[in-house]
Protein backbone atom coordinates (compact mmCIF):
# COMPACT_ATOMS: atom_id res chain seq x y z
CA MET A 1 -63.14 63.40 -2.29
CA SER A 2 -62.04 59.84 -1.53
CA PRO A 3 -58.85 59.24 0.66
CA PRO A 4 -55.42 58.55 -1.67
CA LEU A 5 -54.75 55.25 -2.32
CA LEU A 6 -51.92 54.70 -0.26
CA ARG A 7 -53.24 55.68 2.69
CA ARG A 8 -56.22 53.37 2.38
CA ALA A 9 -53.92 50.48 1.79
CA ARG A 10 -52.14 51.41 4.89
CA ASP A 11 -55.23 51.13 6.86
CA ALA A 12 -55.90 47.71 5.06
CA GLY A 13 -52.58 46.58 6.01
CA LEU A 14 -51.83 47.65 9.17
CA ASP A 15 -55.52 47.29 10.99
CA VAL A 16 -56.52 44.05 8.96
CA ALA A 17 -53.54 42.15 6.99
CA ALA A 18 -51.16 42.37 9.38
CA ARG A 19 -53.55 40.89 12.65
CA HIS A 20 -54.60 37.94 10.20
CA ALA A 21 -51.21 37.42 8.84
CA ASP A 22 -50.18 34.86 10.96
CA ALA A 23 -53.21 32.83 11.19
CA VAL A 24 -53.42 32.99 7.82
CA ASP A 25 -50.00 31.56 7.05
CA ARG A 26 -50.47 29.05 10.35
CA ASP A 27 -53.43 27.60 8.18
CA ALA A 28 -52.87 28.28 4.80
CA ARG A 29 -55.59 29.87 4.31
CA PHE A 30 -56.99 32.78 2.02
CA PRO A 31 -56.79 36.02 3.54
CA THR A 32 -60.73 36.75 3.87
CA GLU A 33 -60.11 39.48 6.31
CA ALA A 34 -57.81 41.66 4.22
CA PHE A 35 -59.22 41.10 1.20
CA ALA A 36 -62.71 42.51 2.91
CA ALA A 37 -61.26 45.03 3.87
CA LEU A 38 -59.57 45.76 0.79
CA LYS A 39 -62.93 45.71 -1.01
CA ALA A 40 -64.59 47.66 1.11
CA ALA A 41 -61.76 50.41 0.50
CA GLY A 42 -62.20 50.23 -3.58
CA LEU A 43 -58.53 48.85 -3.68
CA LEU A 44 -59.80 46.43 -6.15
CA GLY A 45 -61.64 48.22 -8.68
CA ALA A 46 -59.09 50.85 -8.11
CA MET A 47 -56.97 50.90 -11.61
CA VAL A 48 -60.14 50.56 -14.00
CA PRO A 49 -60.78 54.08 -15.54
CA ARG A 50 -62.73 56.67 -14.37
CA ASP A 51 -65.04 56.14 -17.62
CA PHE A 52 -65.87 52.66 -16.11
CA GLY A 53 -66.27 53.96 -13.02
CA GLY A 54 -63.09 53.39 -10.99
CA GLU A 55 -60.63 55.60 -10.25
CA GLY A 56 -58.01 55.51 -13.51
CA ALA A 57 -54.90 54.58 -11.06
CA THR A 58 -51.58 54.09 -12.80
CA LEU A 59 -49.12 50.84 -12.62
CA ALA A 60 -46.83 53.09 -10.20
CA ASP A 61 -50.03 53.75 -7.65
CA ILE A 62 -50.45 49.68 -7.86
CA ALA A 63 -47.18 49.02 -7.40
CA ALA A 64 -46.91 51.35 -4.37
CA VAL A 65 -50.29 49.44 -3.07
CA CYS A 66 -48.20 45.94 -3.34
CA HIS A 67 -45.53 46.71 -1.69
CA GLU A 68 -47.24 48.35 1.08
CA LEU A 69 -49.61 45.42 1.29
CA ALA A 70 -46.76 42.90 1.52
CA GLN A 71 -44.91 44.67 4.52
CA HIS A 72 -48.21 43.16 6.87
CA CYS A 73 -48.94 39.62 4.78
CA PRO A 74 -47.26 38.83 1.81
CA SER A 75 -50.04 36.86 0.68
CA THR A 76 -52.30 39.48 0.73
CA GLY A 77 -49.51 41.54 -1.66
CA MET A 78 -49.06 38.27 -4.23
CA ILE A 79 -52.88 38.21 -4.06
CA TYR A 80 -53.37 41.71 -4.92
CA ALA A 81 -50.77 42.36 -7.17
CA MET A 82 -51.86 38.81 -9.20
CA HIS A 83 -55.04 40.15 -9.11
CA GLN A 84 -54.30 43.55 -10.88
CA ILE A 85 -52.50 41.85 -13.43
CA GLN A 86 -55.71 40.25 -14.48
CA VAL A 87 -57.53 43.69 -14.44
CA ALA A 88 -54.46 45.72 -16.18
CA CYS A 89 -54.99 43.08 -19.13
CA VAL A 90 -58.45 44.09 -19.71
CA VAL A 91 -58.37 47.42 -19.25
CA GLN A 92 -55.57 47.30 -22.07
CA HIS A 93 -56.99 44.81 -24.19
CA GLY A 94 -60.67 44.91 -23.80
CA GLN A 95 -62.21 48.45 -24.11
CA GLN A 96 -62.68 47.64 -27.80
CA SER A 97 -65.31 44.49 -26.78
CA ALA A 98 -69.06 45.52 -25.41
CA TRP A 99 -69.03 42.76 -22.67
CA HIS A 100 -65.68 43.26 -21.60
CA ARG A 101 -66.06 46.98 -21.13
CA THR A 102 -68.93 45.58 -19.00
CA LEU A 103 -66.79 43.42 -17.03
CA LEU A 104 -64.53 46.77 -15.92
CA GLU A 105 -67.71 48.76 -14.64
CA ARG A 106 -68.56 45.43 -12.70
CA LEU A 107 -64.86 45.27 -11.38
CA ALA A 108 -65.46 48.71 -9.95
CA ALA A 109 -68.51 48.24 -8.85
CA GLU A 110 -68.82 45.18 -7.37
CA GLN A 111 -65.12 44.66 -6.27
CA LEU A 112 -64.61 41.45 -8.19
CA LEU A 113 -61.31 39.75 -7.67
CA LEU A 114 -59.86 38.20 -10.47
CA ALA A 115 -57.57 35.20 -10.71
CA SER A 116 -55.53 33.62 -13.93
CA ALA A 117 -54.89 30.10 -15.07
CA THR A 118 -52.31 30.17 -17.66
CA THR A 119 -50.15 27.17 -16.30
CA GLU A 120 -51.22 23.60 -17.43
CA ALA A 121 -50.48 20.07 -16.59
CA GLY A 122 -48.08 18.89 -18.87
CA ILE A 123 -46.64 21.56 -20.59
CA GLY A 124 -43.40 22.10 -18.04
CA GLY A 125 -44.43 25.80 -16.52
CA ASP A 126 -44.29 27.14 -20.53
CA VAL A 127 -47.08 29.66 -20.42
CA ARG A 128 -46.78 30.28 -23.65
CA SER A 129 -48.12 27.31 -24.91
CA SER A 130 -51.49 25.30 -24.53
CA SER A 131 -52.77 21.72 -24.80
CA CYS A 132 -56.64 23.01 -23.29
CA ALA A 133 -58.69 24.23 -26.27
CA VAL A 134 -61.55 27.06 -26.94
CA GLU A 135 -64.25 24.74 -28.53
CA ALA A 136 -66.61 27.06 -30.18
CA SER A 137 -70.38 26.45 -31.50
CA GLY A 138 -73.11 28.62 -32.60
CA GLY A 139 -71.85 31.73 -30.64
CA ARG A 140 -70.73 29.79 -27.53
CA PHE A 141 -67.78 28.33 -26.21
CA ARG A 142 -66.71 25.30 -24.18
CA LEU A 143 -63.17 25.00 -22.51
CA GLU A 144 -61.57 22.49 -20.31
CA LYS A 145 -58.35 22.87 -18.57
CA ASN A 146 -55.82 20.92 -16.55
CA ALA A 147 -54.26 23.71 -14.80
CA SER A 148 -51.46 22.83 -12.45
CA VAL A 149 -52.29 26.18 -10.56
CA ILE A 150 -54.99 28.70 -9.86
CA SER A 151 -53.72 30.75 -7.02
CA TYR A 152 -56.82 31.60 -4.82
CA GLY A 153 -59.44 29.93 -7.52
CA GLU A 154 -61.49 29.43 -5.13
CA ALA A 155 -62.22 32.76 -3.95
CA ALA A 156 -61.78 34.36 -7.25
CA ASP A 157 -64.81 35.99 -8.81
CA GLY A 158 -63.49 35.61 -12.59
CA ILE A 159 -60.60 33.76 -13.71
CA LEU A 160 -58.25 34.77 -17.30
CA VAL A 161 -57.76 31.58 -18.55
CA THR A 162 -55.08 30.86 -21.65
CA ALA A 163 -56.30 28.44 -24.72
CA ARG A 164 -55.17 27.49 -27.99
CA ARG A 165 -57.93 29.32 -30.47
CA THR A 166 -59.29 25.81 -31.59
CA PRO A 167 -59.02 22.45 -31.67
CA ASP A 168 -56.52 22.56 -34.70
CA SER A 169 -54.59 25.43 -33.59
CA PRO A 170 -50.81 25.54 -33.01
CA ALA A 171 -50.06 25.19 -28.92
CA SER A 172 -48.59 29.04 -29.21
CA ASP A 173 -51.33 30.10 -30.89
CA GLN A 174 -53.13 31.17 -27.71
CA VAL A 175 -55.93 33.26 -26.55
CA ILE A 176 -57.32 34.82 -23.42
CA VAL A 177 -61.44 33.68 -22.06
CA ALA A 178 -62.74 35.61 -19.01
CA VAL A 179 -64.84 33.46 -17.40
CA LEU A 180 -66.86 34.36 -14.63
CA LYS A 181 -67.89 31.74 -11.60
CA ASP A 182 -71.12 31.27 -12.61
CA ASP A 183 -69.47 30.11 -16.18
CA CYS A 184 -67.09 27.33 -14.95
CA ARG A 185 -66.48 24.45 -12.81
CA LEU A 186 -63.24 23.98 -10.30
CA GLU A 187 -62.55 20.39 -9.60
CA GLN A 188 -59.62 20.68 -7.52
CA THR A 189 -56.04 17.66 -8.41
CA VAL A 190 -53.49 19.34 -6.36
CA GLY A 191 -53.50 20.97 -2.31
CA TRP A 192 -51.29 23.60 -1.45
CA ASP A 193 -49.21 22.74 2.06
CA THR A 194 -46.21 24.64 1.36
CA LEU A 195 -42.48 26.35 2.37
CA GLY A 196 -44.04 30.01 2.18
CA MET A 197 -47.02 32.32 0.23
CA ARG A 198 -49.34 29.62 2.28
CA GLY A 199 -52.05 32.06 2.01
CA THR A 200 -52.42 32.33 -2.13
CA CYS A 201 -53.77 28.74 -2.27
CA SER A 202 -52.09 27.96 -5.46
CA MET A 203 -54.02 24.46 -5.76
CA GLY A 204 -54.48 22.84 -8.55
CA TYR A 205 -57.69 22.91 -10.42
CA ARG A 206 -59.34 20.87 -13.71
CA LEU A 207 -61.26 23.68 -14.67
CA SER A 208 -64.86 23.71 -17.29
CA ALA A 209 -66.05 26.70 -18.51
CA GLU A 210 -69.32 27.44 -21.05
CA ALA A 211 -70.00 30.97 -21.82
CA GLY A 212 -70.49 33.20 -24.93
CA ILE A 213 -67.53 33.59 -27.53
CA GLU A 214 -67.59 37.54 -26.57
CA GLN A 215 -65.89 36.72 -23.44
CA ILE A 216 -63.05 35.73 -25.89
CA LEU A 217 -60.63 38.92 -25.27
CA PRO A 218 -59.85 40.05 -29.16
CA LEU A 219 -56.30 40.38 -29.12
CA PRO A 220 -53.59 37.09 -29.17
CA TYR A 221 -52.81 35.98 -25.65
CA ALA A 222 -49.01 36.36 -27.41
CA ASP A 223 -49.65 40.33 -28.09
CA ILE A 224 -51.40 40.39 -24.76
CA SER A 225 -48.31 38.93 -22.67
CA ALA A 226 -45.46 40.85 -24.15
CA ARG A 227 -47.80 44.04 -23.98
CA THR A 228 -49.01 44.13 -20.62
CA MET A 229 -49.05 40.42 -18.91
CA LEU A 230 -45.13 40.14 -18.35
CA PRO A 231 -44.01 43.84 -17.34
CA THR A 232 -46.80 44.53 -15.20
CA THR A 233 -46.37 40.93 -13.57
CA HIS A 234 -42.62 41.78 -12.85
CA ILE A 235 -43.30 45.19 -11.60
CA LEU A 236 -46.14 44.05 -9.12
CA TRP A 237 -44.27 41.20 -8.01
CA ALA A 238 -40.98 42.83 -7.40
CA SER A 239 -42.84 45.63 -5.77
CA MET A 240 -44.42 43.05 -3.67
CA TRP A 241 -40.94 41.55 -2.93
CA LEU A 242 -39.72 44.47 -1.87
CA GLY A 243 -42.69 45.07 0.85
CA ILE A 244 -41.03 41.82 2.17
CA ALA A 245 -37.65 43.35 2.18
CA THR A 246 -38.96 46.36 3.84
CA ASP A 247 -40.65 44.80 6.52
CA ALA A 248 -37.46 42.40 7.21
CA VAL A 249 -34.76 45.32 6.97
CA GLY A 250 -37.28 47.37 9.26
CA ARG A 251 -36.80 44.54 12.17
CA ALA A 252 -33.44 44.50 11.66
CA ARG A 253 -32.97 47.96 12.15
CA ALA A 254 -35.54 48.04 15.48
CA PHE A 255 -33.12 44.93 16.59
CA VAL A 256 -29.67 46.82 16.59
CA ARG A 257 -31.52 49.68 17.90
CA SER A 258 -32.37 48.12 20.53
CA GLU A 259 -28.57 46.55 21.20
CA ALA A 260 -27.52 50.39 20.79
CA ARG A 261 -29.59 51.44 23.62
CA ARG A 262 -28.68 48.39 25.54
CA LYS A 263 -24.71 49.12 25.50
CA PRO A 264 -24.43 52.84 24.80
CA GLY A 265 -20.82 53.67 23.02
CA ALA A 266 -20.97 50.22 21.66
CA THR A 267 -21.76 49.84 17.31
CA PRO A 268 -23.78 46.39 17.73
CA PRO A 269 -22.31 43.69 15.28
CA GLY A 270 -24.99 43.97 12.96
CA ALA A 271 -25.03 47.46 11.86
CA LEU A 272 -22.11 46.25 9.34
CA ARG A 273 -25.12 43.50 7.78
CA LEU A 274 -27.51 46.91 8.47
CA ALA A 275 -26.51 49.01 6.36
CA GLU A 276 -25.24 45.98 3.70
CA ALA A 277 -28.81 45.35 3.55
CA THR A 278 -29.91 48.70 3.59
CA THR A 279 -27.99 49.35 0.75
CA MET A 280 -29.46 46.62 -1.46
CA LEU A 281 -32.75 47.11 -0.30
CA ASN A 282 -32.07 50.81 -2.17
CA GLN A 283 -30.76 49.47 -5.43
CA MET A 284 -33.85 47.31 -4.95
CA ARG A 285 -35.97 50.37 -5.12
CA ALA A 286 -34.43 52.26 -7.89
CA SER A 287 -34.60 49.00 -10.12
CA ILE A 288 -38.11 49.46 -9.90
CA VAL A 289 -38.71 52.59 -9.77
CA GLY A 290 -36.12 52.83 -13.49
CA ALA A 291 -38.80 49.55 -14.75
CA VAL A 292 -41.58 51.23 -14.05
CA ARG A 293 -41.21 54.53 -15.81
CA GLN A 294 -39.83 52.66 -18.70
CA TYR A 295 -43.27 50.59 -19.21
CA GLU A 296 -45.31 53.76 -18.50
CA GLU A 297 -43.12 55.54 -21.25
CA ALA A 298 -43.63 52.75 -23.76
CA LEU A 299 -47.22 52.58 -22.87
CA GLY A 300 -49.03 53.06 -26.26
CA ASP A 301 -46.36 51.70 -28.19
CA ALA A 302 -46.61 48.55 -29.41
CA ASP A 303 -43.57 48.24 -31.80
CA ARG A 304 -41.67 49.47 -27.95
CA LEU A 305 -43.40 47.13 -25.74
CA THR A 306 -42.97 43.99 -27.59
CA SER A 307 -38.84 44.96 -28.38
CA MET A 308 -36.30 42.99 -27.29
CA GLY A 309 -34.80 44.99 -25.46
CA PHE A 310 -37.68 46.13 -23.27
CA ALA A 311 -38.41 42.25 -22.62
CA VAL A 312 -34.98 42.26 -21.28
CA ALA A 313 -35.49 44.67 -19.13
CA MET A 314 -38.65 43.29 -17.48
CA ASN A 315 -37.20 40.00 -17.28
CA THR A 316 -33.76 41.52 -15.68
CA LEU A 317 -35.75 43.14 -13.33
CA LYS A 318 -38.04 39.72 -12.35
CA VAL A 319 -34.68 37.39 -11.82
CA GLY A 320 -32.51 40.66 -9.79
CA ALA A 321 -35.88 41.29 -7.39
CA ALA A 322 -36.23 37.68 -6.57
CA GLN A 323 -32.17 37.18 -6.27
CA THR A 324 -32.12 40.35 -4.12
CA LEU A 325 -35.40 39.79 -1.33
CA VAL A 326 -33.70 36.60 -0.90
CA ARG A 327 -30.24 38.03 -0.28
CA ILE A 328 -31.79 41.07 2.05
CA VAL A 329 -33.80 38.98 4.03
CA GLU A 330 -30.82 36.62 5.21
CA GLN A 331 -28.86 39.32 5.93
CA ALA A 332 -31.49 40.40 8.43
CA LEU A 333 -31.98 36.81 9.58
CA LEU A 334 -28.09 37.30 10.70
CA VAL A 335 -28.78 41.01 11.53
CA CYS A 336 -31.00 39.61 14.49
CA GLY A 337 -29.61 36.07 15.52
CA LEU A 338 -32.09 33.86 16.99
CA ASN A 339 -33.92 36.76 17.66
CA GLY A 340 -34.93 36.67 14.15
CA TYR A 341 -35.28 32.99 13.86
CA ARG A 342 -37.69 32.34 16.64
CA ASN A 343 -41.20 32.99 15.58
CA ASP A 344 -42.26 34.34 18.29
CA SER A 345 -39.98 37.09 18.60
CA GLU A 346 -40.95 41.12 17.58
CA TYR A 347 -37.49 40.57 15.48
CA SER A 348 -38.57 37.54 13.23
CA VAL A 349 -38.21 36.83 9.87
CA ALA A 350 -39.08 33.24 9.76
CA ARG A 351 -42.08 34.16 7.35
CA HIS A 352 -40.25 36.34 5.15
CA LEU A 353 -37.62 33.78 5.05
CA ARG A 354 -39.95 31.54 3.56
CA ASP A 355 -41.90 33.18 1.75
CA ALA A 356 -38.64 35.10 -0.16
CA HIS A 357 -37.47 31.89 -1.28
CA SER A 358 -41.09 31.80 -3.28
CA ALA A 359 -39.29 34.94 -5.56
CA PRO A 360 -36.78 32.94 -7.58
CA LEU A 361 -39.39 30.18 -8.65
CA MET A 362 -42.39 31.88 -9.39
CA ILE A 363 -41.97 31.91 -12.73
CA SER A 364 -37.80 30.25 -12.56
CA ASN A 365 -35.86 32.40 -12.83
CA ASP A 366 -33.62 29.93 -14.45
CA ARG A 367 -36.66 29.76 -17.59
CA ILE A 368 -36.83 33.49 -17.73
CA LEU A 369 -32.69 33.55 -17.60
CA GLY A 370 -32.54 30.82 -20.72
CA ASN A 371 -35.14 33.21 -22.29
CA THR A 372 -32.75 36.20 -21.70
CA ALA A 373 -30.30 34.19 -23.49
CA ASN A 374 -31.51 33.67 -26.77
CA LEU A 375 -32.75 37.24 -26.90
CA LEU A 376 -29.52 38.84 -26.13
CA LEU A 377 -27.75 36.25 -28.96
CA VAL A 378 -29.59 38.34 -31.49
CA HIS A 379 -29.89 42.16 -29.38
CA LYS A 380 -27.42 44.86 -29.15
CA ASP A 381 -27.78 46.83 -26.58
CA THR A 382 -27.74 50.35 -27.37
CA MET A 383 -28.66 52.00 -24.46
CA GLY A 384 -26.38 55.01 -22.54
CA LEU A 385 -25.62 55.48 -18.73
CA PHE A 386 -28.97 58.11 -18.73
CA GLY A 387 -31.05 55.95 -21.56
């Protein structure tokens, strides 16, 4: 019997990802070593059902892995989360298709890494609209997409691409196409020299693909997004952000303890802020656990997964987790003071702070709040204290 997922993730995180995290951040490079370790540990295909050679890991399992990895290298944790979001879409919506069943088998056997291409130049960050379209002919299709972001695109073995169903379809009538590395060509258009999350290598590309029409997922993108992509994105991102916050609070705690040992009998000045940061950390953890439970209870119920109340709950998780992460890391910085500000200190939270500020921008909090506001105009919350 293989070791538990979390133990394997901890080994890969501590032994490999942590050792290379500074270099990944400094050079804005893909965490090659960490993903070699994750592949060797069989963690990329963990969510694939056992019938297809995977481990049948639950979303809660994967969330725990994201949390663990992010404590050692946030870029590794984020890439792992984004990969598993794509895997979840294939698992939940591809099993009725022979081509996608084979893809699931390959994901487990070969530990393929999946990326996504949902954003598009000229759309303004609205992933629910596409200007590019699938052009089908004779059982094949062609696709050209000017993608403003494809994270770790050059390192990926496959990319799930959104596009209009046909050239005559409206912008919102979208499908997801799974293209493998041999099916497509990437021409970089935008670089990636950023404040944080530098190792995700989220460059822009002009993507050209040609493959068989059987590679198009059967369900419309709107349904896949509501039932799977939106909730898994918000849950796994929040879990990864919790990992950043956990490590930042851990460093602040270690600093306060060192101060207490240095001045026995006196409460260190940062102890109060540490208590406040710990409270926020526990609240953040509880919100994620609640969201995972809500999603797992709704699995298989399309009406529940596409309900306004469910969308509001998932949107609230994302916005709240992104905001809380920044506040927690800022508190940790104040606790550690100059030692937290320095890059060469064991108590440094400089990288944590830079990475944390990506959270409100990844699917803009303002955009999500705007969508939530529109939902709240017609949604009546009837939930009691315990559901």
